[in-house]
Amino acid sequence: MGPGVSYSVWYMGCVEVLQSMRALDFNTRTQVTREAISLVCEAVPGAKGATRRRKPCSHLSSILGRSNLKFAGMPITLTVFTSSLNLMAADCKQIIANHHMQSISFASGGDPDTAEYVAYVAKDPVNQRACHILECPKGLAQDVISTIGQAFELRFKQYLRNPPKLVTPHDRMAGFDGSAWDEEEEEPPEP
């Protein structure tokens, strides 16, 4: 595996995701990540997307749970590897999270009001399944999403060359309006 690509971003927190993303269609997955971005923006003082007034999406309340704002607003270094996403505190070099690619099920950019945000859903022992929110310097969010998408594609090609089990590609990439990719390997694919 080659070296990772690093970005200086802010970790804004995460929101519990109570359902498998596999059970949701692509549009709903995108709505879930964007709603999580909005929830965190409203909860964190000074977040860029906090000023707008919006109607909460009531149909998503059964999917999104509690927010965890323990590290909200912390400057971090996000490093994208083909094997994982690594989130490290910029000042003390403490690792906040290291999510293996197979534990990440979906990633998306924000909507036009929250275009500087990237959100991804991952499972880990601390937060179970949660949507993690990153705020990027102006203009960088699209680059971060593209890099994560490329890491997924490279990882998928490695699987094709050396498949440990059946993996199927599906609608992981979208244009900037959706700006998303997804993959979930929790259960084997439906036949």
N, C-alpha and C. Protein backbone atom coordinates (compact mmCIF):
# COMPACT_ATOMS: atom_id res chain seq x y z
N MET A 1 0.85 -1.19 0.00
CA MET A 1 0.00 0.00 0.00
C MET A 1 0.88 1.24 0.00
N GLY A 2 0.55 2.21 -0.84
CA GLY A 2 1.34 3.43 -0.95
C GLY A 2 1.08 4.35 0.22
N PRO A 3 1.81 5.48 0.24
CA PRO A 3 1.60 6.44 1.32
C PRO A 3 0.21 7.06 1.23
N GLY A 4 -0.25 7.59 2.35
CA GLY A 4 -1.56 8.21 2.37
C GLY A 4 -1.51 9.65 1.89
N VAL A 5 -2.69 10.21 1.66
CA VAL A 5 -2.83 11.62 1.29
C VAL A 5 -3.42 12.33 2.51
N SER A 6 -2.75 13.40 2.96
CA SER A 6 -3.18 14.07 4.19
C SER A 6 -3.81 15.43 3.93
N TYR A 7 -4.78 15.78 4.76
CA TYR A 7 -5.47 17.07 4.69
C TYR A 7 -5.57 17.64 6.10
N SER A 8 -5.42 18.96 6.22
CA SER A 8 -5.68 19.64 7.49
C SER A 8 -7.13 20.09 7.50
N VAL A 9 -7.93 19.49 8.37
CA VAL A 9 -9.36 19.79 8.44
C VAL A 9 -9.75 19.93 9.92
N TRP A 10 -11.03 20.17 10.19
CA TRP A 10 -11.54 20.21 11.56
C TRP A 10 -12.51 19.06 11.74
N TYR A 11 -12.36 18.36 12.86
CA TYR A 11 -13.32 17.31 13.20
C TYR A 11 -14.47 17.96 13.94
N MET A 12 -15.71 17.76 13.47
CA MET A 12 -16.85 18.46 14.05
C MET A 12 -17.72 17.58 14.95
N GLY A 13 -17.42 16.28 15.00
CA GLY A 13 -18.22 15.39 15.83
C GLY A 13 -18.85 14.29 14.99
N CYS A 14 -19.68 13.51 15.64
CA CYS A 14 -20.36 12.44 14.92
C CYS A 14 -21.78 12.28 15.45
N VAL A 15 -22.62 11.66 14.64
CA VAL A 15 -24.01 11.42 14.99
C VAL A 15 -24.27 9.93 14.81
N GLU A 16 -24.86 9.32 15.82
CA GLU A 16 -25.20 7.90 15.77
C GLU A 16 -26.09 7.60 14.56
N VAL A 17 -25.82 6.51 13.88
CA VAL A 17 -26.67 6.04 12.78
C VAL A 17 -27.24 4.70 13.23
N LEU A 18 -28.58 4.65 13.34
CA LEU A 18 -29.24 3.52 14.00
C LEU A 18 -29.59 2.38 13.05
N GLN A 19 -29.46 2.60 11.74
CA GLN A 19 -29.80 1.56 10.77
C GLN A 19 -28.61 1.31 9.87
N SER A 20 -28.56 0.09 9.31
CA SER A 20 -27.55 -0.21 8.30
C SER A 20 -27.80 0.66 7.07
N MET A 21 -26.76 1.28 6.55
CA MET A 21 -26.91 2.10 5.34
C MET A 21 -27.30 1.23 4.15
N ARG A 22 -26.96 -0.06 4.22
CA ARG A 22 -27.30 -0.98 3.14
C ARG A 22 -28.82 -1.05 2.92
N ALA A 23 -29.58 -0.86 4.00
CA ALA A 23 -31.03 -0.97 3.91
C ALA A 23 -31.67 0.26 3.26
N LEU A 24 -30.87 1.32 3.02
CA LEU A 24 -31.41 2.58 2.52
C LEU A 24 -31.00 2.80 1.07
N ASP A 25 -31.84 3.50 0.31
CA ASP A 25 -31.44 3.80 -1.07
C ASP A 25 -30.45 4.96 -1.08
N PHE A 26 -29.85 5.18 -2.25
CA PHE A 26 -28.77 6.15 -2.37
C PHE A 26 -29.20 7.55 -1.93
N ASN A 27 -30.40 7.98 -2.35
CA ASN A 27 -30.86 9.33 -1.99
C ASN A 27 -31.05 9.46 -0.49
N THR A 28 -31.59 8.42 0.15
CA THR A 28 -31.81 8.46 1.59
C THR A 28 -30.47 8.51 2.32
N ARG A 29 -29.48 7.74 1.83
CA ARG A 29 -28.15 7.77 2.44
C ARG A 29 -27.57 9.18 2.40
N THR A 30 -27.73 9.85 1.24
CA THR A 30 -27.22 11.21 1.10
C THR A 30 -27.96 12.15 2.06
N GLN A 31 -29.30 11.98 2.18
CA GLN A 31 -30.07 12.81 3.11
C GLN A 31 -29.61 12.60 4.55
N VAL A 32 -29.29 11.34 4.90
CA VAL A 32 -28.84 11.03 6.25
C VAL A 32 -27.54 11.77 6.56
N THR A 33 -26.57 11.72 5.63
CA THR A 33 -25.29 12.38 5.91
C THR A 33 -25.47 13.89 5.96
N ARG A 34 -26.32 14.44 5.10
CA ARG A 34 -26.52 15.90 5.10
C ARG A 34 -27.28 16.36 6.34
N GLU A 35 -28.23 15.55 6.80
CA GLU A 35 -28.94 15.88 8.04
C GLU A 35 -27.96 15.83 9.22
N ALA A 36 -27.06 14.86 9.22
CA ALA A 36 -26.05 14.77 10.29
C ALA A 36 -25.15 16.00 10.28
N ILE A 37 -24.75 16.46 9.09
CA ILE A 37 -23.96 17.69 8.99
C ILE A 37 -24.74 18.85 9.61
N SER A 38 -26.02 18.98 9.26
CA SER A 38 -26.84 20.07 9.79
C SER A 38 -26.96 20.00 11.31
N LEU A 39 -27.19 18.80 11.85
CA LEU A 39 -27.33 18.64 13.30
C LEU A 39 -26.06 19.09 14.02
N VAL A 40 -24.90 18.68 13.49
CA VAL A 40 -23.63 19.05 14.12
C VAL A 40 -23.38 20.55 13.98
N CYS A 41 -23.67 21.10 12.79
CA CYS A 41 -23.48 22.55 12.58
C CYS A 41 -24.30 23.36 13.59
N GLU A 42 -25.52 22.91 13.86
CA GLU A 42 -26.38 23.64 14.79
C GLU A 42 -25.90 23.50 16.23
N ALA A 43 -25.24 22.39 16.53
CA ALA A 43 -24.83 22.12 17.91
C ALA A 43 -23.48 22.74 18.25
N VAL A 44 -22.63 22.98 17.23
CA VAL A 44 -21.27 23.46 17.49
C VAL A 44 -21.21 24.97 17.25
N PRO A 45 -20.88 25.76 18.27
CA PRO A 45 -20.82 27.22 18.10
C PRO A 45 -19.79 27.60 17.03
N GLY A 46 -20.18 28.51 16.15
CA GLY A 46 -19.24 29.01 15.15
C GLY A 46 -19.08 28.13 13.91
N ALA A 47 -19.81 27.03 13.84
CA ALA A 47 -19.71 26.19 12.64
C ALA A 47 -20.28 26.95 11.45
N LYS A 48 -19.64 26.76 10.29
CA LYS A 48 -20.00 27.56 9.10
C LYS A 48 -21.44 27.39 8.65
N GLY A 49 -21.99 26.19 8.79
CA GLY A 49 -23.34 25.96 8.29
C GLY A 49 -24.43 26.28 9.29
N ALA A 50 -24.07 26.85 10.44
CA ALA A 50 -25.03 26.99 11.54
C ALA A 50 -26.04 28.11 11.35
N THR A 51 -25.75 29.05 10.44
CA THR A 51 -26.58 30.25 10.38
C THR A 51 -27.91 30.03 9.67
N ARG A 52 -27.99 29.02 8.80
CA ARG A 52 -29.22 28.90 8.02
C ARG A 52 -30.36 28.30 8.82
N ARG A 53 -31.57 28.67 8.47
CA ARG A 53 -32.76 28.11 9.10
C ARG A 53 -33.22 26.94 8.24
N ARG A 54 -33.51 25.84 8.87
CA ARG A 54 -33.94 24.70 8.07
C ARG A 54 -34.99 23.92 8.84
N LYS A 55 -35.78 23.15 8.08
CA LYS A 55 -36.75 22.26 8.71
C LYS A 55 -36.06 20.93 8.96
N PRO A 56 -36.10 20.40 10.19
CA PRO A 56 -35.51 19.09 10.42
C PRO A 56 -36.27 18.04 9.61
N CYS A 57 -35.57 17.03 9.15
CA CYS A 57 -36.19 15.97 8.36
C CYS A 57 -36.75 14.93 9.33
N SER A 58 -38.06 14.99 9.58
CA SER A 58 -38.64 14.12 10.60
C SER A 58 -38.52 12.64 10.22
N HIS A 59 -38.55 12.33 8.91
CA HIS A 59 -38.47 10.92 8.52
C HIS A 59 -37.08 10.33 8.77
N LEU A 60 -36.10 11.17 9.10
CA LEU A 60 -34.76 10.66 9.40
C LEU A 60 -34.54 10.47 10.89
N SER A 61 -35.53 10.85 11.71
CA SER A 61 -35.33 10.78 13.16
C SER A 61 -35.20 9.34 13.64
N SER A 62 -35.72 8.37 12.88
CA SER A 62 -35.59 6.97 13.28
C SER A 62 -34.23 6.40 12.86
N ILE A 63 -33.49 7.16 12.02
CA ILE A 63 -32.20 6.68 11.52
C ILE A 63 -31.04 7.31 12.30
N LEU A 64 -31.18 8.60 12.65
CA LEU A 64 -30.10 9.30 13.36
C LEU A 64 -30.37 9.36 14.85
N GLY A 65 -29.35 9.07 15.64
CA GLY A 65 -29.49 9.07 17.10
C GLY A 65 -28.76 10.23 17.74
N ARG A 66 -28.04 9.95 18.83
CA ARG A 66 -27.37 10.99 19.61
C ARG A 66 -26.13 11.53 18.88
N SER A 67 -25.81 12.78 19.19
CA SER A 67 -24.56 13.37 18.68
C SER A 67 -23.47 13.18 19.72
N ASN A 68 -22.24 13.00 19.25
CA ASN A 68 -21.07 12.97 20.13
C ASN A 68 -20.17 14.11 19.69
N LEU A 69 -20.09 15.15 20.52
CA LEU A 69 -19.33 16.36 20.17
C LEU A 69 -18.04 16.47 20.97
N LYS A 70 -17.54 15.32 21.43
CA LYS A 70 -16.36 15.31 22.30
C LYS A 70 -15.17 16.06 21.69
N PHE A 71 -14.94 15.87 20.40
CA PHE A 71 -13.78 16.51 19.77
C PHE A 71 -14.18 17.65 18.83
N ALA A 72 -15.41 18.18 19.00
CA ALA A 72 -15.94 19.16 18.05
C ALA A 72 -15.04 20.37 17.89
N GLY A 73 -14.77 20.74 16.66
CA GLY A 73 -13.98 21.92 16.35
C GLY A 73 -12.48 21.71 16.44
N MET A 74 -12.05 20.47 16.70
CA MET A 74 -10.62 20.20 16.86
C MET A 74 -9.91 20.15 15.50
N PRO A 75 -8.80 20.89 15.35
CA PRO A 75 -8.03 20.78 14.11
C PRO A 75 -7.37 19.40 14.05
N ILE A 76 -7.56 18.70 12.95
CA ILE A 76 -7.00 17.36 12.81
C ILE A 76 -6.30 17.22 11.47
N THR A 77 -5.50 16.17 11.37
CA THR A 77 -4.95 15.75 10.09
C THR A 77 -5.71 14.50 9.68
N LEU A 78 -6.41 14.59 8.56
CA LEU A 78 -7.09 13.43 7.97
C LEU A 78 -6.13 12.82 6.97
N THR A 79 -5.78 11.54 7.15
CA THR A 79 -4.94 10.85 6.17
C THR A 79 -5.74 9.73 5.55
N VAL A 80 -5.82 9.76 4.21
CA VAL A 80 -6.59 8.76 3.46
C VAL A 80 -5.62 7.72 2.92
N PHE A 81 -5.79 6.48 3.37
CA PHE A 81 -5.04 5.33 2.85
C PHE A 81 -6.02 4.44 2.08
N THR A 82 -5.52 3.52 1.26
CA THR A 82 -6.44 2.58 0.62
C THR A 82 -7.03 1.63 1.67
N SER A 83 -6.37 1.50 2.81
CA SER A 83 -6.86 0.57 3.84
C SER A 83 -7.72 1.24 4.90
N SER A 84 -7.56 2.57 5.11
CA SER A 84 -8.26 3.21 6.23
C SER A 84 -8.26 4.73 6.09
N LEU A 85 -9.10 5.36 6.93
CA LEU A 85 -9.06 6.81 7.14
C LEU A 85 -8.55 7.02 8.55
N ASN A 86 -7.51 7.85 8.69
CA ASN A 86 -6.90 8.10 9.99
C ASN A 86 -7.13 9.55 10.38
N LEU A 87 -7.69 9.77 11.58
CA LEU A 87 -7.96 11.12 12.09
C LEU A 87 -7.06 11.36 13.30
N MET A 88 -6.13 12.32 13.18
CA MET A 88 -5.18 12.57 14.24
C MET A 88 -5.22 14.04 14.66
N ALA A 89 -5.27 14.27 15.97
CA ALA A 89 -5.27 15.64 16.48
C ALA A 89 -4.01 16.35 16.00
N ALA A 90 -4.17 17.55 15.45
CA ALA A 90 -3.04 18.27 14.85
C ALA A 90 -1.99 18.66 15.89
N ASP A 91 -2.43 19.01 17.11
CA ASP A 91 -1.47 19.51 18.09
C ASP A 91 -0.76 18.41 18.87
N CYS A 92 -1.52 17.47 19.45
CA CYS A 92 -0.89 16.47 20.33
C CYS A 92 -0.66 15.13 19.63
N LYS A 93 -1.03 15.04 18.35
CA LYS A 93 -0.83 13.81 17.55
C LYS A 93 -1.60 12.60 18.10
N GLN A 94 -2.61 12.86 18.93
CA GLN A 94 -3.45 11.77 19.42
C GLN A 94 -4.35 11.29 18.28
N ILE A 95 -4.47 9.98 18.12
CA ILE A 95 -5.38 9.46 17.08
C ILE A 95 -6.80 9.48 17.64
N ILE A 96 -7.67 10.25 16.97
CA ILE A 96 -9.07 10.34 17.38
C ILE A 96 -9.83 9.12 16.86
N ALA A 97 -9.52 8.73 15.62
CA ALA A 97 -10.20 7.58 15.03
C ALA A 97 -9.35 7.03 13.89
N ASN A 98 -9.45 5.73 13.69
CA ASN A 98 -8.83 5.10 12.53
C ASN A 98 -9.86 4.12 12.00
N HIS A 99 -10.51 4.48 10.90
CA HIS A 99 -11.59 3.65 10.36
C HIS A 99 -11.10 2.85 9.17
N HIS A 100 -11.12 1.54 9.28
CA HIS A 100 -10.75 0.68 8.16
C HIS A 100 -11.79 0.84 7.06
N MET A 101 -11.33 0.78 5.81
CA MET A 101 -12.24 1.00 4.68
C MET A 101 -13.45 0.07 4.73
N GLN A 102 -13.24 -1.19 5.17
CA GLN A 102 -14.40 -2.09 5.16
C GLN A 102 -15.43 -1.72 6.22
N SER A 103 -15.06 -0.84 7.17
CA SER A 103 -16.03 -0.41 8.19
C SER A 103 -16.77 0.85 7.76
N ILE A 104 -16.36 1.44 6.61
CA ILE A 104 -16.99 2.67 6.12
C ILE A 104 -18.03 2.31 5.07
N SER A 105 -19.25 2.79 5.27
CA SER A 105 -20.32 2.39 4.37
C SER A 105 -20.75 3.48 3.40
N PHE A 106 -20.46 4.74 3.69
CA PHE A 106 -20.96 5.81 2.82
C PHE A 106 -20.20 7.09 3.11
N ALA A 107 -19.98 7.90 2.08
CA ALA A 107 -19.40 9.23 2.29
C ALA A 107 -20.07 10.20 1.34
N SER A 108 -20.18 11.45 1.77
CA SER A 108 -20.87 12.44 0.96
C SER A 108 -20.37 13.83 1.33
N GLY A 109 -20.48 14.75 0.38
CA GLY A 109 -20.26 16.15 0.68
C GLY A 109 -21.55 16.75 1.20
N GLY A 110 -21.47 17.99 1.64
CA GLY A 110 -22.67 18.68 2.10
C GLY A 110 -23.50 19.18 0.92
N ASP A 111 -24.64 19.80 1.24
CA ASP A 111 -25.43 20.44 0.19
C ASP A 111 -24.82 21.83 -0.06
N PRO A 112 -25.38 22.63 -0.99
CA PRO A 112 -24.74 23.92 -1.28
C PRO A 112 -24.54 24.83 -0.07
N ASP A 113 -25.41 24.75 0.94
CA ASP A 113 -25.25 25.56 2.15
C ASP A 113 -24.13 25.07 3.06
N THR A 114 -23.76 23.80 2.92
CA THR A 114 -22.73 23.21 3.78
C THR A 114 -21.67 22.55 2.90
N ALA A 115 -21.28 23.26 1.84
CA ALA A 115 -20.37 22.70 0.84
C ALA A 115 -18.97 22.44 1.38
N GLU A 116 -18.62 23.04 2.53
CA GLU A 116 -17.27 22.85 3.07
C GLU A 116 -17.18 21.61 3.97
N TYR A 117 -18.26 20.83 4.01
CA TYR A 117 -18.29 19.68 4.91
C TYR A 117 -18.21 18.36 4.15
N VAL A 118 -17.60 17.37 4.81
CA VAL A 118 -17.57 16.00 4.32
C VAL A 118 -18.09 15.14 5.47
N ALA A 119 -18.94 14.17 5.15
CA ALA A 119 -19.47 13.27 6.17
C ALA A 119 -19.27 11.84 5.69
N TYR A 120 -18.93 10.96 6.62
CA TYR A 120 -18.86 9.55 6.25
C TYR A 120 -19.39 8.69 7.39
N VAL A 121 -19.99 7.58 7.03
CA VAL A 121 -20.57 6.67 8.02
C VAL A 121 -19.62 5.49 8.20
N ALA A 122 -19.25 5.23 9.46
CA ALA A 122 -18.33 4.13 9.76
C ALA A 122 -18.76 3.45 11.05
N LYS A 123 -18.39 2.18 11.17
CA LYS A 123 -18.62 1.46 12.43
C LYS A 123 -17.31 1.39 13.19
N ASP A 124 -17.37 1.68 14.49
CA ASP A 124 -16.19 1.47 15.32
C ASP A 124 -16.65 1.11 16.73
N PRO A 125 -15.74 0.55 17.54
CA PRO A 125 -16.14 0.09 18.88
C PRO A 125 -16.61 1.23 19.78
N VAL A 126 -16.11 2.46 19.56
CA VAL A 126 -16.47 3.57 20.45
C VAL A 126 -17.86 4.10 20.14
N ASN A 127 -18.10 4.44 18.87
CA ASN A 127 -19.37 5.09 18.51
C ASN A 127 -20.35 4.15 17.81
N GLN A 128 -20.04 2.85 17.75
CA GLN A 128 -20.84 1.91 16.97
C GLN A 128 -20.92 2.42 15.53
N ARG A 129 -22.11 2.47 14.93
CA ARG A 129 -22.22 3.04 13.58
C ARG A 129 -22.55 4.51 13.73
N ALA A 130 -21.71 5.38 13.16
CA ALA A 130 -21.92 6.81 13.32
C ALA A 130 -21.50 7.54 12.06
N CYS A 131 -22.09 8.71 11.87
CA CYS A 131 -21.73 9.59 10.76
C CYS A 131 -20.76 10.63 11.30
N HIS A 132 -19.53 10.61 10.79
CA HIS A 132 -18.48 11.52 11.24
C HIS A 132 -18.42 12.73 10.31
N ILE A 133 -18.33 13.93 10.90
CA ILE A 133 -18.40 15.17 10.14
C ILE A 133 -17.06 15.89 10.18
N LEU A 134 -16.56 16.28 9.00
CA LEU A 134 -15.32 17.04 8.89
C LEU A 134 -15.62 18.36 8.20
N GLU A 135 -15.04 19.45 8.73
CA GLU A 135 -15.14 20.74 8.06
C GLU A 135 -13.80 20.99 7.36
N CYS A 136 -13.88 21.35 6.08
CA CYS A 136 -12.66 21.53 5.28
C CYS A 136 -12.42 23.01 5.00
N PRO A 137 -11.16 23.40 4.80
CA PRO A 137 -10.89 24.77 4.33
C PRO A 137 -11.61 24.99 3.00
N LYS A 138 -11.91 26.23 2.69
CA LYS A 138 -12.72 26.55 1.49
C LYS A 138 -12.18 25.85 0.25
N GLY A 139 -13.09 25.18 -0.46
CA GLY A 139 -12.74 24.56 -1.73
C GLY A 139 -12.10 23.18 -1.63
N LEU A 140 -11.86 22.70 -0.41
CA LEU A 140 -11.14 21.43 -0.27
C LEU A 140 -12.05 20.22 -0.15
N ALA A 141 -13.31 20.42 0.21
CA ALA A 141 -14.22 19.29 0.47
C ALA A 141 -14.32 18.36 -0.74
N GLN A 142 -14.45 18.92 -1.94
CA GLN A 142 -14.59 18.09 -3.13
C GLN A 142 -13.33 17.23 -3.33
N ASP A 143 -12.17 17.80 -3.05
CA ASP A 143 -10.91 17.09 -3.18
C ASP A 143 -10.84 15.92 -2.19
N VAL A 144 -11.29 16.18 -0.95
CA VAL A 144 -11.29 15.14 0.08
C VAL A 144 -12.20 13.99 -0.34
N ILE A 145 -13.41 14.32 -0.79
CA ILE A 145 -14.36 13.28 -1.23
C ILE A 145 -13.77 12.48 -2.39
N SER A 146 -13.17 13.17 -3.36
CA SER A 146 -12.58 12.49 -4.52
C SER A 146 -11.47 11.53 -4.08
N THR A 147 -10.63 11.99 -3.15
CA THR A 147 -9.52 11.15 -2.68
C THR A 147 -10.04 9.91 -1.96
N ILE A 148 -11.07 10.10 -1.12
CA ILE A 148 -11.65 8.94 -0.43
C ILE A 148 -12.25 7.98 -1.45
N GLY A 149 -12.94 8.54 -2.45
CA GLY A 149 -13.51 7.70 -3.51
C GLY A 149 -12.44 6.93 -4.27
N GLN A 150 -11.32 7.60 -4.59
CA GLN A 150 -10.22 6.93 -5.29
C GLN A 150 -9.62 5.83 -4.43
N ALA A 151 -9.49 6.07 -3.13
CA ALA A 151 -8.96 5.03 -2.23
C ALA A 151 -9.88 3.81 -2.24
N PHE A 152 -11.19 4.06 -2.26
CA PHE A 152 -12.15 2.96 -2.35
C PHE A 152 -11.98 2.18 -3.65
N GLU A 153 -11.84 2.93 -4.75
CA GLU A 153 -11.70 2.26 -6.06
C GLU A 153 -10.43 1.41 -6.09
N LEU A 154 -9.31 1.96 -5.58
CA LEU A 154 -8.06 1.21 -5.55
C LEU A 154 -8.20 -0.04 -4.70
N ARG A 155 -8.85 0.12 -3.56
CA ARG A 155 -9.05 -1.01 -2.67
C ARG A 155 -9.91 -2.06 -3.35
N PHE A 156 -10.93 -1.61 -4.08
CA PHE A 156 -11.81 -2.55 -4.77
C PHE A 156 -11.05 -3.31 -5.86
N LYS A 157 -10.17 -2.60 -6.59
CA LYS A 157 -9.36 -3.26 -7.62
C LYS A 157 -8.43 -4.30 -6.99
N GLN A 158 -7.89 -3.99 -5.81
CA GLN A 158 -7.07 -4.97 -5.10
C GLN A 158 -7.90 -6.21 -4.76
N TYR A 159 -9.15 -5.99 -4.37
CA TYR A 159 -10.05 -7.11 -4.08
C TYR A 159 -10.28 -7.96 -5.33
N LEU A 160 -10.46 -7.28 -6.47
CA LEU A 160 -10.72 -8.03 -7.71
C LEU A 160 -9.53 -8.92 -8.06
N ARG A 161 -8.31 -8.41 -7.80
CA ARG A 161 -7.12 -9.20 -8.09
C ARG A 161 -6.95 -10.33 -7.09
N ASN A 162 -7.42 -10.13 -5.87
CA ASN A 162 -7.20 -11.09 -4.80
C ASN A 162 -8.43 -11.15 -3.91
N PRO A 163 -9.55 -11.67 -4.44
CA PRO A 163 -10.82 -11.55 -3.70
C PRO A 163 -10.90 -12.47 -2.48
N PRO A 164 -11.09 -11.91 -1.27
CA PRO A 164 -11.27 -12.74 -0.09
C PRO A 164 -12.68 -13.32 -0.03
N LYS A 165 -13.65 -12.57 -0.59
CA LYS A 165 -15.04 -13.03 -0.64
C LYS A 165 -15.75 -12.21 -1.70
N LEU A 166 -16.98 -12.53 -1.95
CA LEU A 166 -17.73 -11.83 -3.00
C LEU A 166 -17.96 -10.37 -2.62
N VAL A 167 -17.55 -9.47 -3.50
CA VAL A 167 -17.76 -8.03 -3.30
C VAL A 167 -18.36 -7.49 -4.59
N THR A 168 -19.40 -6.70 -4.48
CA THR A 168 -20.01 -6.15 -5.68
C THR A 168 -19.93 -4.64 -5.68
N PRO A 169 -19.52 -4.04 -6.78
CA PRO A 169 -19.53 -2.57 -6.84
C PRO A 169 -20.97 -2.10 -7.02
N HIS A 170 -21.30 -0.97 -6.46
CA HIS A 170 -22.61 -0.38 -6.73
C HIS A 170 -22.47 1.12 -6.75
N ASP A 171 -23.57 1.84 -6.60
CA ASP A 171 -23.54 3.28 -6.85
C ASP A 171 -22.75 4.03 -5.80
N ARG A 172 -21.41 3.88 -5.83
CA ARG A 172 -20.59 4.54 -4.82
C ARG A 172 -20.22 5.95 -5.21
N MET A 173 -20.18 6.26 -6.49
CA MET A 173 -19.74 7.58 -6.91
C MET A 173 -20.93 8.36 -7.47
N ALA A 174 -20.94 9.65 -7.20
CA ALA A 174 -21.98 10.50 -7.77
C ALA A 174 -21.33 11.82 -8.14
N GLY A 175 -22.02 12.62 -8.92
CA GLY A 175 -21.50 13.93 -9.29
C GLY A 175 -21.46 14.84 -8.07
N PHE A 176 -21.06 16.09 -8.25
CA PHE A 176 -20.88 16.96 -7.08
C PHE A 176 -22.19 17.23 -6.36
N ASP A 177 -23.31 17.21 -7.07
CA ASP A 177 -24.59 17.42 -6.38
C ASP A 177 -24.80 16.34 -5.32
N GLY A 178 -24.46 15.10 -5.63
CA GLY A 178 -24.55 14.04 -4.63
C GLY A 178 -23.19 13.86 -4.00
N SER A 179 -22.14 13.94 -4.80
CA SER A 179 -20.76 13.92 -4.34
C SER A 179 -20.55 12.81 -3.31
N ALA A 180 -20.89 11.60 -3.67
CA ALA A 180 -20.86 10.54 -2.68
C ALA A 180 -20.43 9.22 -3.27
N TRP A 181 -19.94 8.35 -2.39
CA TRP A 181 -19.69 6.96 -2.75
C TRP A 181 -20.13 6.15 -1.56
N ASP A 182 -20.36 4.88 -1.77
CA ASP A 182 -20.69 4.07 -0.60
C ASP A 182 -20.37 2.61 -0.84
N GLU A 183 -20.17 1.92 0.25
CA GLU A 183 -19.91 0.48 0.23
C GLU A 183 -20.19 -0.01 1.62
N GLU A 184 -20.81 -1.16 1.72
CA GLU A 184 -21.01 -1.72 3.05
C GLU A 184 -20.82 -3.21 2.95
N GLU A 185 -19.99 -3.74 3.82
CA GLU A 185 -19.64 -5.16 3.74
C GLU A 185 -20.11 -5.93 4.94
N GLU A 186 -21.11 -5.40 5.66
CA GLU A 186 -21.49 -6.07 6.90
C GLU A 186 -22.06 -7.46 6.62
N GLU A 187 -22.96 -7.53 5.64
CA GLU A 187 -23.56 -8.81 5.30
C GLU A 187 -23.14 -9.14 3.88
N PRO A 188 -23.18 -10.44 3.50
CA PRO A 188 -22.86 -10.74 2.10
C PRO A 188 -23.92 -10.12 1.19
N PRO A 189 -23.55 -9.76 -0.04
CA PRO A 189 -24.52 -9.13 -0.94
C PRO A 189 -25.71 -10.04 -1.22
N GLU A 190 -26.84 -9.43 -1.46
CA GLU A 190 -28.02 -10.23 -1.80
C GLU A 190 -27.79 -10.90 -3.14
N PRO A 191 -28.24 -12.16 -3.31
CA PRO A 191 -28.02 -12.82 -4.61
C PRO A 191 -28.84 -12.20 -5.71
